Amino acid sequence: MVCREELTVKHEMRGGKGDVYIYHVLSAEELMGHGTLYARVVLPPGSSIGYHQHIGNTEPYYILRGNGVFMDADGSRIPVGPGDVCRIACGESHGMENTGTEDMEFMALVLNEA
């Protein structure tokens, strides 16, 4: 079976800035109860996902292209780029901002706590 990604655009996602383009790879149903999101996420320059908490799930980001700043659970702001993995444990908070001049693209996977 071959599926096509489905685009959702979120404006000021989680209190962030600008638009966030979410290209859903699998739906929550297709993740069979193991998670709620598997998607390629694109942040245009200056856009961000606001700082938010994960209760009952975890969400790693794998940076594919572009540069930005990851807001970690302890409040630190860490520069990130291609090849970096940002891990968010259950109960932790995080956010992401594109501080570069090109689109920032990453894979996001929200997995439910076991």
N, C-alpha and C. Protein backbone atom coordinates (compact mmCIF):
# COMPACT_ATOMS: atom_id res chain seq x y z
N MET A 1 0.84 -1.17 0.00
CA MET A 1 0.00 0.00 0.00
C MET A 1 0.89 1.25 0.00
N VAL A 2 0.50 2.23 -0.77
CA VAL A 2 1.19 3.51 -0.80
C VAL A 2 0.18 4.59 -0.39
N CYS A 3 0.59 5.40 0.55
CA CYS A 3 -0.27 6.50 1.01
C CYS A 3 0.42 7.83 0.67
N ARG A 4 -0.36 8.89 0.62
CA ARG A 4 0.18 10.22 0.38
C ARG A 4 0.09 11.02 1.68
N GLU A 5 1.10 11.82 1.93
CA GLU A 5 1.04 12.67 3.12
C GLU A 5 -0.09 13.68 2.96
N GLU A 6 -0.67 14.07 4.11
CA GLU A 6 -1.78 15.02 4.10
C GLU A 6 -1.36 16.27 4.87
N LEU A 7 -1.57 17.42 4.25
CA LEU A 7 -1.13 18.70 4.81
C LEU A 7 -2.19 19.31 5.73
N THR A 8 -1.73 19.74 6.90
CA THR A 8 -2.52 20.57 7.81
C THR A 8 -1.67 21.80 8.11
N VAL A 9 -2.29 22.98 8.08
CA VAL A 9 -1.58 24.21 8.41
C VAL A 9 -2.11 24.72 9.73
N LYS A 10 -1.21 24.93 10.68
CA LYS A 10 -1.58 25.46 12.00
C LYS A 10 -1.01 26.87 12.13
N HIS A 11 -1.85 27.82 12.51
CA HIS A 11 -1.42 29.20 12.71
C HIS A 11 -1.16 29.42 14.19
N GLU A 12 0.03 29.95 14.50
CA GLU A 12 0.43 30.22 15.89
C GLU A 12 0.26 28.97 16.76
N MET A 13 0.82 27.86 16.29
CA MET A 13 0.69 26.56 16.96
C MET A 13 1.25 26.60 18.38
N ARG A 14 0.45 26.17 19.31
CA ARG A 14 0.82 26.11 20.73
C ARG A 14 1.31 27.46 21.25
N GLY A 15 0.77 28.54 20.69
CA GLY A 15 1.17 29.89 21.09
C GLY A 15 2.41 30.40 20.39
N GLY A 16 2.85 29.68 19.36
CA GLY A 16 4.04 30.10 18.61
C GLY A 16 3.74 31.21 17.62
N LYS A 17 4.71 31.46 16.74
CA LYS A 17 4.60 32.53 15.74
C LYS A 17 4.42 31.94 14.34
N GLY A 18 3.62 32.62 13.53
CA GLY A 18 3.49 32.26 12.12
C GLY A 18 2.76 30.95 11.89
N ASP A 19 2.96 30.41 10.68
CA ASP A 19 2.31 29.17 10.28
C ASP A 19 3.27 27.99 10.39
N VAL A 20 2.70 26.83 10.71
CA VAL A 20 3.44 25.57 10.78
C VAL A 20 2.75 24.62 9.81
N TYR A 21 3.52 24.02 8.90
CA TYR A 21 2.98 23.11 7.89
C TYR A 21 3.28 21.68 8.34
N ILE A 22 2.21 20.92 8.59
CA ILE A 22 2.33 19.55 9.09
C ILE A 22 1.88 18.60 8.00
N TYR A 23 2.82 17.80 7.50
CA TYR A 23 2.55 16.82 6.46
C TYR A 23 2.43 15.46 7.14
N HIS A 24 1.20 15.05 7.43
CA HIS A 24 0.94 13.82 8.16
C HIS A 24 1.33 12.61 7.32
N VAL A 25 2.17 11.75 7.90
CA VAL A 25 2.61 10.53 7.23
C VAL A 25 1.67 9.39 7.57
N LEU A 26 1.35 9.25 8.85
CA LEU A 26 0.38 8.26 9.32
C LEU A 26 -0.60 8.94 10.27
N SER A 27 -1.85 8.49 10.24
CA SER A 27 -2.85 9.02 11.16
C SER A 27 -2.74 8.32 12.51
N ALA A 28 -3.42 8.85 13.50
CA ALA A 28 -3.44 8.22 14.83
C ALA A 28 -3.98 6.79 14.72
N GLU A 29 -4.98 6.59 13.89
CA GLU A 29 -5.55 5.25 13.71
C GLU A 29 -4.51 4.29 13.11
N GLU A 30 -3.73 4.80 12.17
CA GLU A 30 -2.71 3.96 11.54
C GLU A 30 -1.56 3.64 12.50
N LEU A 31 -1.40 4.44 13.54
CA LEU A 31 -0.38 4.16 14.56
C LEU A 31 -0.88 3.14 15.59
N MET A 32 -2.10 2.68 15.44
CA MET A 32 -2.71 1.58 16.20
C MET A 32 -2.59 1.72 17.71
N GLY A 33 -2.84 2.92 18.21
CA GLY A 33 -2.82 3.13 19.65
C GLY A 33 -1.44 3.38 20.24
N HIS A 34 -0.40 3.29 19.42
CA HIS A 34 0.97 3.50 19.91
C HIS A 34 1.36 4.97 19.93
N GLY A 35 0.62 5.79 19.19
CA GLY A 35 0.95 7.20 19.11
C GLY A 35 -0.16 7.98 18.46
N THR A 36 0.06 9.30 18.36
CA THR A 36 -0.97 10.16 17.79
C THR A 36 -0.50 10.98 16.59
N LEU A 37 0.82 11.02 16.34
CA LEU A 37 1.32 11.82 15.24
C LEU A 37 2.62 11.24 14.70
N TYR A 38 2.69 11.14 13.38
CA TYR A 38 3.93 10.86 12.67
C TYR A 38 3.88 11.77 11.45
N ALA A 39 4.74 12.79 11.43
CA ALA A 39 4.62 13.81 10.40
C ALA A 39 5.95 14.48 10.09
N ARG A 40 5.99 15.03 8.87
CA ARG A 40 7.08 15.92 8.45
C ARG A 40 6.57 17.33 8.72
N VAL A 41 7.34 18.09 9.47
CA VAL A 41 6.91 19.43 9.89
C VAL A 41 7.82 20.46 9.23
N VAL A 42 7.22 21.51 8.68
CA VAL A 42 7.99 22.59 8.05
C VAL A 42 7.66 23.90 8.75
N LEU A 43 8.73 24.56 9.23
CA LEU A 43 8.62 25.88 9.84
C LEU A 43 9.30 26.89 8.91
N PRO A 44 8.55 27.83 8.34
CA PRO A 44 9.18 28.88 7.55
C PRO A 44 10.04 29.77 8.46
N PRO A 45 10.96 30.55 7.89
CA PRO A 45 11.79 31.44 8.70
C PRO A 45 10.93 32.32 9.62
N GLY A 46 11.33 32.40 10.89
CA GLY A 46 10.62 33.21 11.87
C GLY A 46 9.44 32.52 12.53
N SER A 47 9.04 31.35 12.04
CA SER A 47 7.91 30.62 12.63
C SER A 47 8.38 29.78 13.80
N SER A 48 7.42 29.43 14.67
CA SER A 48 7.77 28.62 15.83
C SER A 48 6.58 27.79 16.30
N ILE A 49 6.90 26.76 17.05
CA ILE A 49 5.92 25.98 17.82
C ILE A 49 6.14 26.40 19.26
N GLY A 50 5.10 26.92 19.90
CA GLY A 50 5.23 27.43 21.25
C GLY A 50 5.59 26.36 22.27
N TYR A 51 6.15 26.81 23.37
CA TYR A 51 6.58 25.95 24.47
C TYR A 51 5.35 25.27 25.07
N HIS A 52 5.36 23.93 25.12
CA HIS A 52 4.21 23.17 25.62
C HIS A 52 4.67 21.87 26.27
N GLN A 53 3.80 21.28 27.07
CA GLN A 53 4.13 20.08 27.84
C GLN A 53 3.50 18.84 27.22
N HIS A 54 4.21 17.71 27.35
CA HIS A 54 3.70 16.42 26.91
C HIS A 54 3.34 15.57 28.12
N ILE A 55 2.05 15.28 28.26
CA ILE A 55 1.55 14.44 29.34
C ILE A 55 1.13 13.10 28.74
N GLY A 56 1.73 12.02 29.19
CA GLY A 56 1.36 10.69 28.72
C GLY A 56 1.93 10.29 27.38
N ASN A 57 2.83 11.15 26.82
CA ASN A 57 3.47 10.77 25.56
C ASN A 57 4.83 11.46 25.43
N THR A 58 5.58 11.01 24.46
CA THR A 58 6.90 11.56 24.16
C THR A 58 6.91 11.98 22.69
N GLU A 59 7.82 12.89 22.33
CA GLU A 59 7.86 13.37 20.95
C GLU A 59 9.29 13.72 20.53
N PRO A 60 9.97 12.79 19.87
CA PRO A 60 11.28 13.16 19.33
C PRO A 60 11.13 13.91 18.01
N TYR A 61 12.05 14.86 17.78
CA TYR A 61 12.15 15.57 16.50
C TYR A 61 13.48 15.14 15.87
N TYR A 62 13.46 14.86 14.57
CA TYR A 62 14.67 14.58 13.81
C TYR A 62 14.79 15.66 12.75
N ILE A 63 15.81 16.51 12.87
CA ILE A 63 15.97 17.67 11.98
C ILE A 63 16.52 17.21 10.63
N LEU A 64 15.79 17.53 9.56
CA LEU A 64 16.18 17.15 8.21
C LEU A 64 16.94 18.26 7.49
N ARG A 65 16.44 19.51 7.63
CA ARG A 65 17.12 20.64 6.98
C ARG A 65 16.75 21.93 7.69
N GLY A 66 17.60 22.93 7.49
CA GLY A 66 17.38 24.22 8.12
C GLY A 66 17.99 24.29 9.51
N ASN A 67 17.88 25.46 10.12
CA ASN A 67 18.45 25.69 11.44
C ASN A 67 17.44 26.38 12.32
N GLY A 68 17.55 26.10 13.61
CA GLY A 68 16.63 26.72 14.55
C GLY A 68 17.12 26.61 15.97
N VAL A 69 16.21 26.89 16.88
CA VAL A 69 16.50 26.81 18.31
C VAL A 69 15.44 25.92 18.95
N PHE A 70 15.92 24.92 19.68
CA PHE A 70 15.05 24.01 20.43
C PHE A 70 14.98 24.52 21.86
N MET A 71 13.77 24.73 22.36
CA MET A 71 13.58 25.12 23.75
C MET A 71 13.37 23.84 24.54
N ASP A 72 14.34 23.52 25.40
CA ASP A 72 14.35 22.26 26.13
C ASP A 72 13.54 22.35 27.42
N ALA A 73 13.35 21.21 28.07
CA ALA A 73 12.53 21.10 29.28
C ALA A 73 13.03 21.99 30.41
N ASP A 74 14.35 22.22 30.46
CA ASP A 74 14.91 23.05 31.53
C ASP A 74 14.92 24.54 31.18
N GLY A 75 14.32 24.87 30.04
CA GLY A 75 14.24 26.27 29.61
C GLY A 75 15.41 26.72 28.76
N SER A 76 16.41 25.86 28.58
CA SER A 76 17.56 26.26 27.76
C SER A 76 17.16 26.31 26.28
N ARG A 77 17.87 27.16 25.54
CA ARG A 77 17.65 27.33 24.11
C ARG A 77 18.89 26.78 23.40
N ILE A 78 18.70 25.70 22.63
CA ILE A 78 19.82 24.98 22.04
C ILE A 78 19.75 25.08 20.52
N PRO A 79 20.81 25.61 19.87
CA PRO A 79 20.82 25.64 18.40
C PRO A 79 20.79 24.22 17.83
N VAL A 80 19.98 24.00 16.78
CA VAL A 80 19.87 22.69 16.15
C VAL A 80 19.93 22.83 14.64
N GLY A 81 20.32 21.74 13.99
CA GLY A 81 20.40 21.70 12.54
C GLY A 81 20.29 20.28 12.04
N PRO A 82 20.50 20.07 10.73
CA PRO A 82 20.34 18.75 10.13
C PRO A 82 21.12 17.66 10.86
N GLY A 83 20.42 16.54 11.11
CA GLY A 83 21.02 15.39 11.79
C GLY A 83 20.83 15.40 13.29
N ASP A 84 20.40 16.51 13.86
CA ASP A 84 20.16 16.57 15.31
C ASP A 84 18.83 15.89 15.65
N VAL A 85 18.79 15.26 16.83
CA VAL A 85 17.58 14.66 17.36
C VAL A 85 17.25 15.35 18.68
N CYS A 86 16.04 15.87 18.78
CA CYS A 86 15.57 16.53 20.00
C CYS A 86 14.61 15.56 20.68
N ARG A 87 14.96 15.13 21.89
CA ARG A 87 14.13 14.15 22.61
C ARG A 87 13.34 14.84 23.71
N ILE A 88 12.07 14.53 23.79
CA ILE A 88 11.18 15.08 24.79
C ILE A 88 10.57 13.90 25.54
N ALA A 89 10.85 13.79 26.82
CA ALA A 89 10.32 12.68 27.62
C ALA A 89 8.91 13.00 28.11
N CYS A 90 8.20 11.97 28.52
CA CYS A 90 6.86 12.15 29.08
C CYS A 90 6.92 13.12 30.25
N GLY A 91 6.02 14.08 30.25
CA GLY A 91 5.95 15.08 31.31
C GLY A 91 6.79 16.31 31.07
N GLU A 92 7.69 16.27 30.08
CA GLU A 92 8.55 17.41 29.81
C GLU A 92 7.88 18.39 28.84
N SER A 93 8.44 19.60 28.80
CA SER A 93 7.97 20.65 27.90
C SER A 93 9.06 20.97 26.88
N HIS A 94 8.62 21.55 25.76
CA HIS A 94 9.57 21.93 24.71
C HIS A 94 8.91 22.87 23.72
N GLY A 95 9.72 23.45 22.84
CA GLY A 95 9.25 24.28 21.74
C GLY A 95 10.33 24.31 20.67
N MET A 96 10.00 24.86 19.50
CA MET A 96 10.97 24.93 18.39
C MET A 96 10.75 26.22 17.63
N GLU A 97 11.85 26.87 17.24
CA GLU A 97 11.77 28.10 16.47
C GLU A 97 12.76 28.06 15.32
N ASN A 98 12.31 28.46 14.13
CA ASN A 98 13.19 28.57 12.98
C ASN A 98 13.87 29.92 13.04
N THR A 99 15.17 29.93 13.30
CA THR A 99 15.94 31.16 13.37
C THR A 99 16.78 31.39 12.11
N GLY A 100 16.63 30.48 11.15
CA GLY A 100 17.42 30.57 9.92
C GLY A 100 16.72 31.39 8.83
N THR A 101 17.31 31.35 7.64
CA THR A 101 16.79 32.11 6.51
C THR A 101 16.08 31.22 5.49
N GLU A 102 16.04 29.92 5.74
CA GLU A 102 15.33 28.97 4.88
C GLU A 102 14.36 28.16 5.71
N ASP A 103 13.46 27.43 5.05
CA ASP A 103 12.54 26.57 5.78
C ASP A 103 13.31 25.58 6.63
N MET A 104 12.78 25.32 7.81
CA MET A 104 13.30 24.27 8.68
C MET A 104 12.35 23.10 8.58
N GLU A 105 12.89 21.90 8.40
CA GLU A 105 12.07 20.71 8.21
C GLU A 105 12.54 19.62 9.16
N PHE A 106 11.57 18.98 9.83
CA PHE A 106 11.92 17.88 10.73
C PHE A 106 10.79 16.87 10.79
N MET A 107 11.14 15.66 11.20
CA MET A 107 10.15 14.61 11.43
C MET A 107 9.77 14.65 12.90
N ALA A 108 8.48 14.50 13.17
CA ALA A 108 7.97 14.48 14.55
C ALA A 108 7.15 13.20 14.72
N LEU A 109 7.37 12.53 15.85
CA LEU A 109 6.65 11.30 16.16
C LEU A 109 6.18 11.36 17.61
N VAL A 110 4.87 11.43 17.80
CA VAL A 110 4.31 11.45 19.16
C VAL A 110 3.92 10.01 19.51
N LEU A 111 4.61 9.46 20.52
CA LEU A 111 4.36 8.09 20.97
C LEU A 111 3.76 8.09 22.36
N ASN A 112 2.77 7.24 22.57
CA ASN A 112 2.12 7.14 23.86
C ASN A 112 3.02 6.45 24.87
N GLU A 113 2.89 6.85 26.13
CA GLU A 113 3.63 6.23 27.22
C GLU A 113 3.19 4.78 27.34
N ALA A 114 4.15 3.89 27.56
CA ALA A 114 3.84 2.46 27.65
C ALA A 114 3.18 2.11 28.96
